[in-house]
């Protein structure tokens, strides 16, 4: 979920589920 990106993005090494522009932003 876009609103949860800030919780996890600097913890992970790989994201397997990039599927929309809003998530990329």
PDBML (XML) file of the C-alpha atoms, coordinates in Angstrom:
<?xml version="1.0" encoding="UTF-8" ?>
<PDBx:datablock datablockName="MODEL"
   xmlns:PDBx="http://pdbml.pdb.org/schema/pdbx-v50.xsd"
   xmlns:xsi="http://www.w3.org/2001/XMLSchema-instance"
   xsi:schemaLocation="http://pdbml.pdb.org/schema/pdbx-v50.xsd pdbx-v50.xsd">
   <PDBx:atom_siteCategory>
      <PDBx:atom_site id="1">
         <PDBx:B_iso_or_equiv>0.00</PDBx:B_iso_or_equiv>
         <PDBx:Cartn_x>0.000</PDBx:Cartn_x>
         <PDBx:Cartn_y>0.000</PDBx:Cartn_y>
         <PDBx:Cartn_z>0.000</PDBx:Cartn_z>
         <PDBx:auth_asym_id>A</PDBx:auth_asym_id>
         <PDBx:auth_atom_id>CA</PDBx:auth_atom_id>
         <PDBx:auth_comp_id>UNK</PDBx:auth_comp_id>
         <PDBx:auth_seq_id>1</PDBx:auth_seq_id>
         <PDBx:group_PDB>ATOM</PDBx:group_PDB>
         <PDBx:label_alt_id xsi:nil="true" />
         <PDBx:label_asym_id>A</PDBx:label_asym_id>
         <PDBx:label_atom_id>CA</PDBx:label_atom_id>
         <PDBx:label_comp_id>UNK</PDBx:label_comp_id>
         <PDBx:label_entity_id>1</PDBx:label_entity_id>
         <PDBx:label_seq_id>1</PDBx:label_seq_id>
         <PDBx:occupancy>1.00</PDBx:occupancy>
         <PDBx:pdbx_PDB_model_num>1</PDBx:pdbx_PDB_model_num>
         <PDBx:type_symbol>C</PDBx:type_symbol>
      </PDBx:atom_site>
      <PDBx:atom_site id="2">
         <PDBx:B_iso_or_equiv>0.00</PDBx:B_iso_or_equiv>
         <PDBx:Cartn_x>1.272</PDBx:Cartn_x>
         <PDBx:Cartn_y>3.460</PDBx:Cartn_y>
         <PDBx:Cartn_z>-0.888</PDBx:Cartn_z>
         <PDBx:auth_asym_id>A</PDBx:auth_asym_id>
         <PDBx:auth_atom_id>CA</PDBx:auth_atom_id>
         <PDBx:auth_comp_id>UNK</PDBx:auth_comp_id>
         <PDBx:auth_seq_id>2</PDBx:auth_seq_id>
         <PDBx:group_PDB>ATOM</PDBx:group_PDB>
         <PDBx:label_alt_id xsi:nil="true" />
         <PDBx:label_asym_id>A</PDBx:label_asym_id>
         <PDBx:label_atom_id>CA</PDBx:label_atom_id>
         <PDBx:label_comp_id>UNK</PDBx:label_comp_id>
         <PDBx:label_entity_id>1</PDBx:label_entity_id>
         <PDBx:label_seq_id>2</PDBx:label_seq_id>
         <PDBx:occupancy>1.00</PDBx:occupancy>
         <PDBx:pdbx_PDB_model_num>1</PDBx:pdbx_PDB_model_num>
         <PDBx:type_symbol>C</PDBx:type_symbol>
      </PDBx:atom_site>
      <PDBx:atom_site id="3">
         <PDBx:B_iso_or_equiv>0.00</PDBx:B_iso_or_equiv>
         <PDBx:Cartn_x>0.674</PDBx:Cartn_x>
         <PDBx:Cartn_y>4.738</PDBx:Cartn_y>
         <PDBx:Cartn_z>2.635</PDBx:Cartn_z>
         <PDBx:auth_asym_id>A</PDBx:auth_asym_id>
         <PDBx:auth_atom_id>CA</PDBx:auth_atom_id>
         <PDBx:auth_comp_id>UNK</PDBx:auth_comp_id>
         <PDBx:auth_seq_id>3</PDBx:auth_seq_id>
         <PDBx:group_PDB>ATOM</PDBx:group_PDB>
         <PDBx:label_alt_id xsi:nil="true" />
         <PDBx:label_asym_id>A</PDBx:label_asym_id>
         <PDBx:label_atom_id>CA</PDBx:label_atom_id>
         <PDBx:label_comp_id>UNK</PDBx:label_comp_id>
         <PDBx:label_entity_id>1</PDBx:label_entity_id>
         <PDBx:label_seq_id>3</PDBx:label_seq_id>
         <PDBx:occupancy>1.00</PDBx:occupancy>
         <PDBx:pdbx_PDB_model_num>1</PDBx:pdbx_PDB_model_num>
         <PDBx:type_symbol>C</PDBx:type_symbol>
      </PDBx:atom_site>
      <PDBx:atom_site id="4">
         <PDBx:B_iso_or_equiv>0.00</PDBx:B_iso_or_equiv>
         <PDBx:Cartn_x>2.912</PDBx:Cartn_x>
         <PDBx:Cartn_y>2.004</PDBx:Cartn_y>
         <PDBx:Cartn_z>4.077</PDBx:Cartn_z>
         <PDBx:auth_asym_id>A</PDBx:auth_asym_id>
         <PDBx:auth_atom_id>CA</PDBx:auth_atom_id>
         <PDBx:auth_comp_id>UNK</PDBx:auth_comp_id>
         <PDBx:auth_seq_id>4</PDBx:auth_seq_id>
         <PDBx:group_PDB>ATOM</PDBx:group_PDB>
         <PDBx:label_alt_id xsi:nil="true" />
         <PDBx:label_asym_id>A</PDBx:label_asym_id>
         <PDBx:label_atom_id>CA</PDBx:label_atom_id>
         <PDBx:label_comp_id>UNK</PDBx:label_comp_id>
         <PDBx:label_entity_id>1</PDBx:label_entity_id>
         <PDBx:label_seq_id>4</PDBx:label_seq_id>
         <PDBx:occupancy>1.00</PDBx:occupancy>
         <PDBx:pdbx_PDB_model_num>1</PDBx:pdbx_PDB_model_num>
         <PDBx:type_symbol>C</PDBx:type_symbol>
      </PDBx:atom_site>
      <PDBx:atom_site id="5">
         <PDBx:B_iso_or_equiv>0.00</PDBx:B_iso_or_equiv>
         <PDBx:Cartn_x>5.921</PDBx:Cartn_x>
         <PDBx:Cartn_y>2.602</PDBx:Cartn_y>
         <PDBx:Cartn_z>1.820</PDBx:Cartn_z>
         <PDBx:auth_asym_id>A</PDBx:auth_asym_id>
         <PDBx:auth_atom_id>CA</PDBx:auth_atom_id>
         <PDBx:auth_comp_id>UNK</PDBx:auth_comp_id>
         <PDBx:auth_seq_id>5</PDBx:auth_seq_id>
         <PDBx:group_PDB>ATOM</PDBx:group_PDB>
         <PDBx:label_alt_id xsi:nil="true" />
         <PDBx:label_asym_id>A</PDBx:label_asym_id>
         <PDBx:label_atom_id>CA</PDBx:label_atom_id>
         <PDBx:label_comp_id>UNK</PDBx:label_comp_id>
         <PDBx:label_entity_id>1</PDBx:label_entity_id>
         <PDBx:label_seq_id>5</PDBx:label_seq_id>
         <PDBx:occupancy>1.00</PDBx:occupancy>
         <PDBx:pdbx_PDB_model_num>1</PDBx:pdbx_PDB_model_num>
         <PDBx:type_symbol>C</PDBx:type_symbol>
      </PDBx:atom_site>
      <PDBx:atom_site id="6">
         <PDBx:B_iso_or_equiv>0.00</PDBx:B_iso_or_equiv>
         <PDBx:Cartn_x>7.641</PDBx:Cartn_x>
         <PDBx:Cartn_y>4.801</PDBx:Cartn_y>
         <PDBx:Cartn_z>4.404</PDBx:Cartn_z>
         <PDBx:auth_asym_id>A</PDBx:auth_asym_id>
         <PDBx:auth_atom_id>CA</PDBx:auth_atom_id>
         <PDBx:auth_comp_id>UNK</PDBx:auth_comp_id>
         <PDBx:auth_seq_id>6</PDBx:auth_seq_id>
         <PDBx:group_PDB>ATOM</PDBx:group_PDB>
         <PDBx:label_alt_id xsi:nil="true" />
         <PDBx:label_asym_id>A</PDBx:label_asym_id>
         <PDBx:label_atom_id>CA</PDBx:label_atom_id>
         <PDBx:label_comp_id>UNK</PDBx:label_comp_id>
         <PDBx:label_entity_id>1</PDBx:label_entity_id>
         <PDBx:label_seq_id>6</PDBx:label_seq_id>
         <PDBx:occupancy>1.00</PDBx:occupancy>
         <PDBx:pdbx_PDB_model_num>1</PDBx:pdbx_PDB_model_num>
         <PDBx:type_symbol>C</PDBx:type_symbol>
      </PDBx:atom_site>
      <PDBx:atom_site id="7">
         <PDBx:B_iso_or_equiv>0.00</PDBx:B_iso_or_equiv>
         <PDBx:Cartn_x>7.484</PDBx:Cartn_x>
         <PDBx:Cartn_y>1.967</PDBx:Cartn_y>
         <PDBx:Cartn_z>6.975</PDBx:Cartn_z>
         <PDBx:auth_asym_id>A</PDBx:auth_asym_id>
         <PDBx:auth_atom_id>CA</PDBx:auth_atom_id>
         <PDBx:auth_comp_id>UNK</PDBx:auth_comp_id>
         <PDBx:auth_seq_id>7</PDBx:auth_seq_id>
         <PDBx:group_PDB>ATOM</PDBx:group_PDB>
         <PDBx:label_alt_id xsi:nil="true" />
         <PDBx:label_asym_id>A</PDBx:label_asym_id>
         <PDBx:label_atom_id>CA</PDBx:label_atom_id>
         <PDBx:label_comp_id>UNK</PDBx:label_comp_id>
         <PDBx:label_entity_id>1</PDBx:label_entity_id>
         <PDBx:label_seq_id>7</PDBx:label_seq_id>
         <PDBx:occupancy>1.00</PDBx:occupancy>
         <PDBx:pdbx_PDB_model_num>1</PDBx:pdbx_PDB_model_num>
         <PDBx:type_symbol>C</PDBx:type_symbol>
      </PDBx:atom_site>
      <PDBx:atom_site id="8">
         <PDBx:B_iso_or_equiv>0.00</PDBx:B_iso_or_equiv>
         <PDBx:Cartn_x>9.397</PDBx:Cartn_x>
         <PDBx:Cartn_y>-0.580</PDBx:Cartn_y>
         <PDBx:Cartn_z>4.931</PDBx:Cartn_z>
         <PDBx:auth_asym_id>A</PDBx:auth_asym_id>
         <PDBx:auth_atom_id>CA</PDBx:auth_atom_id>
         <PDBx:auth_comp_id>UNK</PDBx:auth_comp_id>
         <PDBx:auth_seq_id>8</PDBx:auth_seq_id>
         <PDBx:group_PDB>ATOM</PDBx:group_PDB>
         <PDBx:label_alt_id xsi:nil="true" />
         <PDBx:label_asym_id>A</PDBx:label_asym_id>
         <PDBx:label_atom_id>CA</PDBx:label_atom_id>
         <PDBx:label_comp_id>UNK</PDBx:label_comp_id>
         <PDBx:label_entity_id>1</PDBx:label_entity_id>
         <PDBx:label_seq_id>8</PDBx:label_seq_id>
         <PDBx:occupancy>1.00</PDBx:occupancy>
         <PDBx:pdbx_PDB_model_num>1</PDBx:pdbx_PDB_model_num>
         <PDBx:type_symbol>C</PDBx:type_symbol>
      </PDBx:atom_site>
      <PDBx:atom_site id="9">
         <PDBx:B_iso_or_equiv>0.00</PDBx:B_iso_or_equiv>
         <PDBx:Cartn_x>11.250</PDBx:Cartn_x>
         <PDBx:Cartn_y>0.900</PDBx:Cartn_y>
         <PDBx:Cartn_z>1.982</PDBx:Cartn_z>
         <PDBx:auth_asym_id>A</PDBx:auth_asym_id>
         <PDBx:auth_atom_id>CA</PDBx:auth_atom_id>
         <PDBx:auth_comp_id>UNK</PDBx:auth_comp_id>
         <PDBx:auth_seq_id>9</PDBx:auth_seq_id>
         <PDBx:group_PDB>ATOM</PDBx:group_PDB>
         <PDBx:label_alt_id xsi:nil="true" />
         <PDBx:label_asym_id>A</PDBx:label_asym_id>
         <PDBx:label_atom_id>CA</PDBx:label_atom_id>
         <PDBx:label_comp_id>UNK</PDBx:label_comp_id>
         <PDBx:label_entity_id>1</PDBx:label_entity_id>
         <PDBx:label_seq_id>9</PDBx:label_seq_id>
         <PDBx:occupancy>1.00</PDBx:occupancy>
         <PDBx:pdbx_PDB_model_num>1</PDBx:pdbx_PDB_model_num>
         <PDBx:type_symbol>C</PDBx:type_symbol>
      </PDBx:atom_site>
      <PDBx:atom_site id="10">
         <PDBx:B_iso_or_equiv>0.00</PDBx:B_iso_or_equiv>
         <PDBx:Cartn_x>14.610</PDBx:Cartn_x>
         <PDBx:Cartn_y>1.443</PDBx:Cartn_y>
         <PDBx:Cartn_z>3.682</PDBx:Cartn_z>
         <PDBx:auth_asym_id>A</PDBx:auth_asym_id>
         <PDBx:auth_atom_id>CA</PDBx:auth_atom_id>
         <PDBx:auth_comp_id>UNK</PDBx:auth_comp_id>
         <PDBx:auth_seq_id>10</PDBx:auth_seq_id>
         <PDBx:group_PDB>ATOM</PDBx:group_PDB>
         <PDBx:label_alt_id xsi:nil="true" />
         <PDBx:label_asym_id>A</PDBx:label_asym_id>
         <PDBx:label_atom_id>CA</PDBx:label_atom_id>
         <PDBx:label_comp_id>UNK</PDBx:label_comp_id>
         <PDBx:label_entity_id>1</PDBx:label_entity_id>
         <PDBx:label_seq_id>10</PDBx:label_seq_id>
         <PDBx:occupancy>1.00</PDBx:occupancy>
         <PDBx:pdbx_PDB_model_num>1</PDBx:pdbx_PDB_model_num>
         <PDBx:type_symbol>C</PDBx:type_symbol>
      </PDBx:atom_site>
      <PDBx:atom_site id="11">
         <PDBx:B_iso_or_equiv>0.00</PDBx:B_iso_or_equiv>
         <PDBx:Cartn_x>14.428</PDBx:Cartn_x>
         <PDBx:Cartn_y>-1.959</PDBx:Cartn_y>
         <PDBx:Cartn_z>5.383</PDBx:Cartn_z>
         <PDBx:auth_asym_id>A</PDBx:auth_asym_id>
         <PDBx:auth_atom_id>CA</PDBx:auth_atom_id>
         <PDBx:auth_comp_id>UNK</PDBx:auth_comp_id>
         <PDBx:auth_seq_id>11</PDBx:auth_seq_id>
         <PDBx:group_PDB>ATOM</PDBx:group_PDB>
         <PDBx:label_alt_id xsi:nil="true" />
         <PDBx:label_asym_id>A</PDBx:label_asym_id>
         <PDBx:label_atom_id>CA</PDBx:label_atom_id>
         <PDBx:label_comp_id>UNK</PDBx:label_comp_id>
         <PDBx:label_entity_id>1</PDBx:label_entity_id>
         <PDBx:label_seq_id>11</PDBx:label_seq_id>
         <PDBx:occupancy>1.00</PDBx:occupancy>
         <PDBx:pdbx_PDB_model_num>1</PDBx:pdbx_PDB_model_num>
         <PDBx:type_symbol>C</PDBx:type_symbol>
      </PDBx:atom_site>
      <PDBx:atom_site id="12">
         <PDBx:B_iso_or_equiv>0.00</PDBx:B_iso_or_equiv>
         <PDBx:Cartn_x>14.095</PDBx:Cartn_x>
         <PDBx:Cartn_y>-4.078</PDBx:Cartn_y>
         <PDBx:Cartn_z>2.249</PDBx:Cartn_z>
         <PDBx:auth_asym_id>A</PDBx:auth_asym_id>
         <PDBx:auth_atom_id>CA</PDBx:auth_atom_id>
         <PDBx:auth_comp_id>UNK</PDBx:auth_comp_id>
         <PDBx:auth_seq_id>12</PDBx:auth_seq_id>
         <PDBx:group_PDB>ATOM</PDBx:group_PDB>
         <PDBx:label_alt_id xsi:nil="true" />
         <PDBx:label_asym_id>A</PDBx:label_asym_id>
         <PDBx:label_atom_id>CA</PDBx:label_atom_id>
         <PDBx:label_comp_id>UNK</PDBx:label_comp_id>
         <PDBx:label_entity_id>1</PDBx:label_entity_id>
         <PDBx:label_seq_id>12</PDBx:label_seq_id>
         <PDBx:occupancy>1.00</PDBx:occupancy>
         <PDBx:pdbx_PDB_model_num>1</PDBx:pdbx_PDB_model_num>
         <PDBx:type_symbol>C</PDBx:type_symbol>
      </PDBx:atom_site>
      <PDBx:atom_site id="13">
         <PDBx:B_iso_or_equiv>0.00</PDBx:B_iso_or_equiv>
         <PDBx:Cartn_x>16.615</PDBx:Cartn_x>
         <PDBx:Cartn_y>-5.025</PDBx:Cartn_y>
         <PDBx:Cartn_z>-0.420</PDBx:Cartn_z>
         <PDBx:auth_asym_id>A</PDBx:auth_asym_id>
         <PDBx:auth_atom_id>CA</PDBx:auth_atom_id>
         <PDBx:auth_comp_id>UNK</PDBx:auth_comp_id>
         <PDBx:auth_seq_id>13</PDBx:auth_seq_id>
         <PDBx:group_PDB>ATOM</PDBx:group_PDB>
         <PDBx:label_alt_id xsi:nil="true" />
         <PDBx:label_asym_id>A</PDBx:label_asym_id>
         <PDBx:label_atom_id>CA</PDBx:label_atom_id>
         <PDBx:label_comp_id>UNK</PDBx:label_comp_id>
         <PDBx:label_entity_id>1</PDBx:label_entity_id>
         <PDBx:label_seq_id>13</PDBx:label_seq_id>
         <PDBx:occupancy>1.00</PDBx:occupancy>
         <PDBx:pdbx_PDB_model_num>1</PDBx:pdbx_PDB_model_num>
         <PDBx:type_symbol>C</PDBx:type_symbol>
      </PDBx:atom_site>
      <PDBx:atom_site id="14">
         <PDBx:B_iso_or_equiv>0.00</PDBx:B_iso_or_equiv>
         <PDBx:Cartn_x>14.098</PDBx:Cartn_x>
         <PDBx:Cartn_y>-6.117</PDBx:Cartn_y>
         <PDBx:Cartn_z>-3.067</PDBx:Cartn_z>
         <PDBx:auth_asym_id>A</PDBx:auth_asym_id>
         <PDBx:auth_atom_id>CA</PDBx:auth_atom_id>
         <PDBx:auth_comp_id>UNK</PDBx:auth_comp_id>
         <PDBx:auth_seq_id>14</PDBx:auth_seq_id>
         <PDBx:group_PDB>ATOM</PDBx:group_PDB>
         <PDBx:label_alt_id xsi:nil="true" />
         <PDBx:label_asym_id>A</PDBx:label_asym_id>
         <PDBx:label_atom_id>CA</PDBx:label_atom_id>
         <PDBx:label_comp_id>UNK</PDBx:label_comp_id>
         <PDBx:label_entity_id>1</PDBx:label_entity_id>
         <PDBx:label_seq_id>14</PDBx:label_seq_id>
         <PDBx:occupancy>1.00</PDBx:occupancy>
         <PDBx:pdbx_PDB_model_num>1</PDBx:pdbx_PDB_model_num>
         <PDBx:type_symbol>C</PDBx:type_symbol>
      </PDBx:atom_site>
      <PDBx:atom_site id="15">
         <PDBx:B_iso_or_equiv>0.00</PDBx:B_iso_or_equiv>
         <PDBx:Cartn_x>10.500</PDBx:Cartn_x>
         <PDBx:Cartn_y>-5.194</PDBx:Cartn_y>
         <PDBx:Cartn_z>-3.908</PDBx:Cartn_z>
         <PDBx:auth_asym_id>A</PDBx:auth_asym_id>
         <PDBx:auth_atom_id>CA</PDBx:auth_atom_id>
         <PDBx:auth_comp_id>UNK</PDBx:auth_comp_id>
         <PDBx:auth_seq_id>15</PDBx:auth_seq_id>
         <PDBx:group_PDB>ATOM</PDBx:group_PDB>
         <PDBx:label_alt_id xsi:nil="true" />
         <PDBx:label_asym_id>A</PDBx:label_asym_id>
         <PDBx:label_atom_id>CA</PDBx:label_atom_id>
         <PDBx:label_comp_id>UNK</PDBx:label_comp_id>
         <PDBx:label_entity_id>1</PDBx:label_entity_id>
         <PDBx:label_seq_id>15</PDBx:label_seq_id>
         <PDBx:occupancy>1.00</PDBx:occupancy>
         <PDBx:pdbx_PDB_model_num>1</PDBx:pdbx_PDB_model_num>
         <PDBx:type_symbol>C</PDBx:type_symbol>
      </PDBx:atom_site>
      <PDBx:atom_site id="16">
         <PDBx:B_iso_or_equiv>0.00</PDBx:B_iso_or_equiv>
         <PDBx:Cartn_x>8.620</PDBx:Cartn_x>
         <PDBx:Cartn_y>-7.800</PDBx:Cartn_y>
         <PDBx:Cartn_z>-5.959</PDBx:Cartn_z>
         <PDBx:auth_asym_id>A</PDBx:auth_asym_id>
         <PDBx:auth_atom_id>CA</PDBx:auth_atom_id>
         <PDBx:auth_comp_id>UNK</PDBx:auth_comp_id>
         <PDBx:auth_seq_id>16</PDBx:auth_seq_id>
         <PDBx:group_PDB>ATOM</PDBx:group_PDB>
         <PDBx:label_alt_id xsi:nil="true" />
         <PDBx:label_asym_id>A</PDBx:label_asym_id>
         <PDBx:label_atom_id>CA</PDBx:label_atom_id>
         <PDBx:label_comp_id>UNK</PDBx:label_comp_id>
         <PDBx:label_entity_id>1</PDBx:label_entity_id>
         <PDBx:label_seq_id>16</PDBx:label_seq_id>
         <PDBx:occupancy>1.00</PDBx:occupancy>
         <PDBx:pdbx_PDB_model_num>1</PDBx:pdbx_PDB_model_num>
         <PDBx:type_symbol>C</PDBx:type_symbol>
      </PDBx:atom_site>
      <PDBx:atom_site id="17">
         <PDBx:B_iso_or_equiv>0.00</PDBx:B_iso_or_equiv>
         <PDBx:Cartn_x>5.370</PDBx:Cartn_x>
         <PDBx:Cartn_y>-5.894</PDBx:Cartn_y>
         <PDBx:Cartn_z>-6.456</PDBx:Cartn_z>
         <PDBx:auth_asym_id>A</PDBx:auth_asym_id>
         <PDBx:auth_atom_id>CA</PDBx:auth_atom_id>
         <PDBx:auth_comp_id>UNK</PDBx:auth_comp_id>
         <PDBx:auth_seq_id>17</PDBx:auth_seq_id>
         <PDBx:group_PDB>ATOM</PDBx:group_PDB>
         <PDBx:label_alt_id xsi:nil="true" />
         <PDBx:label_asym_id>A</PDBx:label_asym_id>
         <PDBx:label_atom_id>CA</PDBx:label_atom_id>
         <PDBx:label_comp_id>UNK</PDBx:label_comp_id>
         <PDBx:label_entity_id>1</PDBx:label_entity_id>
         <PDBx:label_seq_id>17</PDBx:label_seq_id>
         <PDBx:occupancy>1.00</PDBx:occupancy>
         <PDBx:pdbx_PDB_model_num>1</PDBx:pdbx_PDB_model_num>
         <PDBx:type_symbol>C</PDBx:type_symbol>
      </PDBx:atom_site>
      <PDBx:atom_site id="18">
         <PDBx:B_iso_or_equiv>0.00</PDBx:B_iso_or_equiv>
         <PDBx:Cartn_x>5.894</PDBx:Cartn_x>
         <PDBx:Cartn_y>-2.586</PDBx:Cartn_y>
         <PDBx:Cartn_z>-8.266</PDBx:Cartn_z>
         <PDBx:auth_asym_id>A</PDBx:auth_asym_id>
         <PDBx:auth_atom_id>CA</PDBx:auth_atom_id>
         <PDBx:auth_comp_id>UNK</PDBx:auth_comp_id>
         <PDBx:auth_seq_id>18</PDBx:auth_seq_id>
         <PDBx:group_PDB>ATOM</PDBx:group_PDB>
         <PDBx:label_alt_id xsi:nil="true" />
         <PDBx:label_asym_id>A</PDBx:label_asym_id>
         <PDBx:label_atom_id>CA</PDBx:label_atom_id>
         <PDBx:label_comp_id>UNK</PDBx:label_comp_id>
         <PDBx:label_entity_id>1</PDBx:label_entity_id>
         <PDBx:label_seq_id>18</PDBx:label_seq_id>
         <PDBx:occupancy>1.00</PDBx:occupancy>
         <PDBx:pdbx_PDB_model_num>1</PDBx:pdbx_PDB_model_num>
         <PDBx:type_symbol>C</PDBx:type_symbol>
      </PDBx:atom_site>
      <PDBx:atom_site id="19">
         <PDBx:B_iso_or_equiv>0.00</PDBx:B_iso_or_equiv>
         <PDBx:Cartn_x>2.626</PDBx:Cartn_x>
         <PDBx:Cartn_y>-2.319</PDBx:Cartn_y>
         <PDBx:Cartn_z>-10.167</PDBx:Cartn_z>
         <PDBx:auth_asym_id>A</PDBx:auth_asym_id>
         <PDBx:auth_atom_id>CA</PDBx:auth_atom_id>
         <PDBx:auth_comp_id>UNK</PDBx:auth_comp_id>
         <PDBx:auth_seq_id>19</PDBx:auth_seq_id>
         <PDBx:group_PDB>ATOM</PDBx:group_PDB>
         <PDBx:label_alt_id xsi:nil="true" />
         <PDBx:label_asym_id>A</PDBx:label_asym_id>
         <PDBx:label_atom_id>CA</PDBx:label_atom_id>
         <PDBx:label_comp_id>UNK</PDBx:label_comp_id>
         <PDBx:label_entity_id>1</PDBx:label_entity_id>
         <PDBx:label_seq_id>19</PDBx:label_seq_id>
         <PDBx:occupancy>1.00</PDBx:occupancy>
         <PDBx:pdbx_PDB_model_num>1</PDBx:pdbx_PDB_model_num>
         <PDBx:type_symbol>C</PDBx:type_symbol>
      </PDBx:atom_site>
      <PDBx:atom_site id="20">
         <PDBx:B_iso_or_equiv>0.00</PDBx:B_iso_or_equiv>
         <PDBx:Cartn_x>1.534</PDBx:Cartn_x>
         <PDBx:Cartn_y>1.337</PDBx:Cartn_y>
         <PDBx:Cartn_z>-10.376</PDBx:Cartn_z>
         <PDBx:auth_asym_id>A</PDBx:auth_asym_id>
         <PDBx:auth_atom_id>CA</PDBx:auth_atom_id>
         <PDBx:auth_comp_id>UNK</PDBx:auth_comp_id>
         <PDBx:auth_seq_id>20</PDBx:auth_seq_id>
         <PDBx:group_PDB>ATOM</PDBx:group_PDB>
         <PDBx:label_alt_id xsi:nil="true" />
         <PDBx:label_asym_id>A</PDBx:label_asym_id>
         <PDBx:label_atom_id>CA</PDBx:label_atom_id>
         <PDBx:label_comp_id>UNK</PDBx:label_comp_id>
         <PDBx:label_entity_id>1</PDBx:label_entity_id>
         <PDBx:label_seq_id>20</PDBx:label_seq_id>
         <PDBx:occupancy>1.00</PDBx:occupancy>
         <PDBx:pdbx_PDB_model_num>1</PDBx:pdbx_PDB_model_num>
         <PDBx:type_symbol>C</PDBx:type_symbol>
      </PDBx:atom_site>
      <PDBx:atom_site id="21">
         <PDBx:B_iso_or_equiv>0.00</PDBx:B_iso_or_equiv>
         <PDBx:Cartn_x>2.921</PDBx:Cartn_x>
         <PDBx:Cartn_y>4.803</PDBx:Cartn_y>
         <PDBx:Cartn_z>-10.852</PDBx:Cartn_z>
         <PDBx:auth_asym_id>A</PDBx:auth_asym_id>
         <PDBx:auth_atom_id>CA</PDBx:auth_atom_id>
         <PDBx:auth_comp_id>UNK</PDBx:auth_comp_id>
         <PDBx:auth_seq_id>21</PDBx:auth_seq_id>
         <PDBx:group_PDB>ATOM</PDBx:group_PDB>
         <PDBx:label_alt_id xsi:nil="true" />
         <PDBx:label_asym_id>A</PDBx:label_asym_id>
         <PDBx:label_atom_id>CA</PDBx:label_atom_id>
         <PDBx:label_comp_id>UNK</PDBx:label_comp_id>
         <PDBx:label_entity_id>1</PDBx:label_entity_id>
         <PDBx:label_seq_id>21</PDBx:label_seq_id>
         <PDBx:occupancy>1.00</PDBx:occupancy>
         <PDBx:pdbx_PDB_model_num>1</PDBx:pdbx_PDB_model_num>
         <PDBx:type_symbol>C</PDBx:type_symbol>
      </PDBx:atom_site>
      <PDBx:atom_site id="22">
         <PDBx:B_iso_or_equiv>0.00</PDBx:B_iso_or_equiv>
         <PDBx:Cartn_x>1.613</PDBx:Cartn_x>
         <PDBx:Cartn_y>6.095</PDBx:Cartn_y>
         <PDBx:Cartn_z>-7.525</PDBx:Cartn_z>
         <PDBx:auth_asym_id>A</PDBx:auth_asym_id>
         <PDBx:auth_atom_id>CA</PDBx:auth_atom_id>
         <PDBx:auth_comp_id>UNK</PDBx:auth_comp_id>
         <PDBx:auth_seq_id>22</PDBx:auth_seq_id>
         <PDBx:group_PDB>ATOM</PDBx:group_PDB>
         <PDBx:label_alt_id xsi:nil="true" />
         <PDBx:label_asym_id>A</PDBx:label_asym_id>
         <PDBx:label_atom_id>CA</PDBx:label_atom_id>
         <PDBx:label_comp_id>UNK</PDBx:label_comp_id>
         <PDBx:label_entity_id>1</PDBx:label_entity_id>
         <PDBx:label_seq_id>22</PDBx:label_seq_id>
         <PDBx:occupancy>1.00</PDBx:occupancy>
         <PDBx:pdbx_PDB_model_num>1</PDBx:pdbx_PDB_model_num>
         <PDBx:type_symbol>C</PDBx:type_symbol>
      </PDBx:atom_site>
      <PDBx:atom_site id="23">
         <PDBx:B_iso_or_equiv>0.00</PDBx:B_iso_or_equiv>
         <PDBx:Cartn_x>3.702</PDBx:Cartn_x>
         <PDBx:Cartn_y>3.448</PDBx:Cartn_y>
         <PDBx:Cartn_z>-5.739</PDBx:Cartn_z>
         <PDBx:auth_asym_id>A</PDBx:auth_asym_id>
         <PDBx:auth_atom_id>CA</PDBx:auth_atom_id>
         <PDBx:auth_comp_id>UNK</PDBx:auth_comp_id>
         <PDBx:auth_seq_id>23</PDBx:auth_seq_id>
         <PDBx:group_PDB>ATOM</PDBx:group_PDB>
         <PDBx:label_alt_id xsi:nil="true" />
         <PDBx:label_asym_id>A</PDBx:label_asym_id>
         <PDBx:label_atom_id>CA</PDBx:label_atom_id>
         <PDBx:label_comp_id>UNK</PDBx:label_comp_id>
         <PDBx:label_entity_id>1</PDBx:label_entity_id>
         <PDBx:label_seq_id>23</PDBx:label_seq_id>
         <PDBx:occupancy>1.00</PDBx:occupancy>
         <PDBx:pdbx_PDB_model_num>1</PDBx:pdbx_PDB_model_num>
         <PDBx:type_symbol>C</PDBx:type_symbol>
      </PDBx:atom_site>
      <PDBx:atom_site id="24">
         <PDBx:B_iso_or_equiv>0.00</PDBx:B_iso_or_equiv>
         <PDBx:Cartn_x>6.785</PDBx:Cartn_x>
         <PDBx:Cartn_y>4.448</PDBx:Cartn_y>
         <PDBx:Cartn_z>-7.729</PDBx:Cartn_z>
         <PDBx:auth_asym_id>A</PDBx:auth_asym_id>
         <PDBx:auth_atom_id>CA</PDBx:auth_atom_id>
         <PDBx:auth_comp_id>UNK</PDBx:auth_comp_id>
         <PDBx:auth_seq_id>24</PDBx:auth_seq_id>
         <PDBx:group_PDB>ATOM</PDBx:group_PDB>
         <PDBx:label_alt_id xsi:nil="true" />
         <PDBx:label_asym_id>A</PDBx:label_asym_id>
         <PDBx:label_atom_id>CA</PDBx:label_atom_id>
         <PDBx:label_comp_id>UNK</PDBx:label_comp_id>
         <PDBx:label_entity_id>1</PDBx:label_entity_id>
         <PDBx:label_seq_id>24</PDBx:label_seq_id>
         <PDBx:occupancy>1.00</PDBx:occupancy>
         <PDBx:pdbx_PDB_model_num>1</PDBx:pdbx_PDB_model_num>
         <PDBx:type_symbol>C</PDBx:type_symbol>
      </PDBx:atom_site>
      <PDBx:atom_site id="25">
         <PDBx:B_iso_or_equiv>0.00</PDBx:B_iso_or_equiv>
         <PDBx:Cartn_x>6.239</PDBx:Cartn_x>
         <PDBx:Cartn_y>8.101</PDBx:Cartn_y>
         <PDBx:Cartn_z>-6.816</PDBx:Cartn_z>
         <PDBx:auth_asym_id>A</PDBx:auth_asym_id>
         <PDBx:auth_atom_id>CA</PDBx:auth_atom_id>
         <PDBx:auth_comp_id>UNK</PDBx:auth_comp_id>
         <PDBx:auth_seq_id>25</PDBx:auth_seq_id>
         <PDBx:group_PDB>ATOM</PDBx:group_PDB>
         <PDBx:label_alt_id xsi:nil="true" />
         <PDBx:label_asym_id>A</PDBx:label_asym_id>
         <PDBx:label_atom_id>CA</PDBx:label_atom_id>
         <PDBx:label_comp_id>UNK</PDBx:label_comp_id>
         <PDBx:label_entity_id>1</PDBx:label_entity_id>
         <PDBx:label_seq_id>25</PDBx:label_seq_id>
         <PDBx:occupancy>1.00</PDBx:occupancy>
         <PDBx:pdbx_PDB_model_num>1</PDBx:pdbx_PDB_model_num>
         <PDBx:type_symbol>C</PDBx:type_symbol>
      </PDBx:atom_site>
   </PDBx:atom_siteCategory>
</PDBx:datablock>
